[in-house]
Amino acid sequence: MKTVRVLFGLLVLIAAAWAQKPPEQRPPDDPIAQALFPPELVMKYRLEINLDEGQSKAIKESIQKAQTKFLDMQWDMQSEAEKLIRLLKAHPVDEAAVLAQVDQVLNREREIKKAQISLLIHIKNLLSEAQQNKLSELRQRPS
């Protein structure tokens, strides 16, 4: 049972880490990551893409708003994961209850990923087509 707990804990940590990983750090063949621009990339090249003050301010505000939301969502996911662990520790394990709780954990993870994609879409929509094209070029340059 301890092995199951450790494995599940690792699974939750991996899922949480993946959800927090910016698209520029994901494999380059990820078509979704290639279509969007993480805030770190935009701010890194803000001068090269001529990001204006209004765009910069809007991006910063969006990030601040999203960070608060992400923190709450991650706490909710952690709470659901803890419930799942408690269910898995039972003797015998109630399979139906565990599977229902797995759905809760996965729903929280889905909400986090959806919010992350929403932030990235908002940032992309703040950029002109020329800025997006320049960022796509700059992303390909070795750091």
Foldseek 3Di string as FASTA:
>chain_A
DVVVLVVLVVVLVVLVVVLPDQLLPDDPVPVLSLVFDDPVLCVVCVVVLVPDPVLVVVLVVLVVVLVVVLVVLVVQLVVLSVVLSVQVPDVVRDVVVNVVSVVVNVVSSVVSNVSVSVSRVVSVVSGDPSSSVVSSVVSPDDD
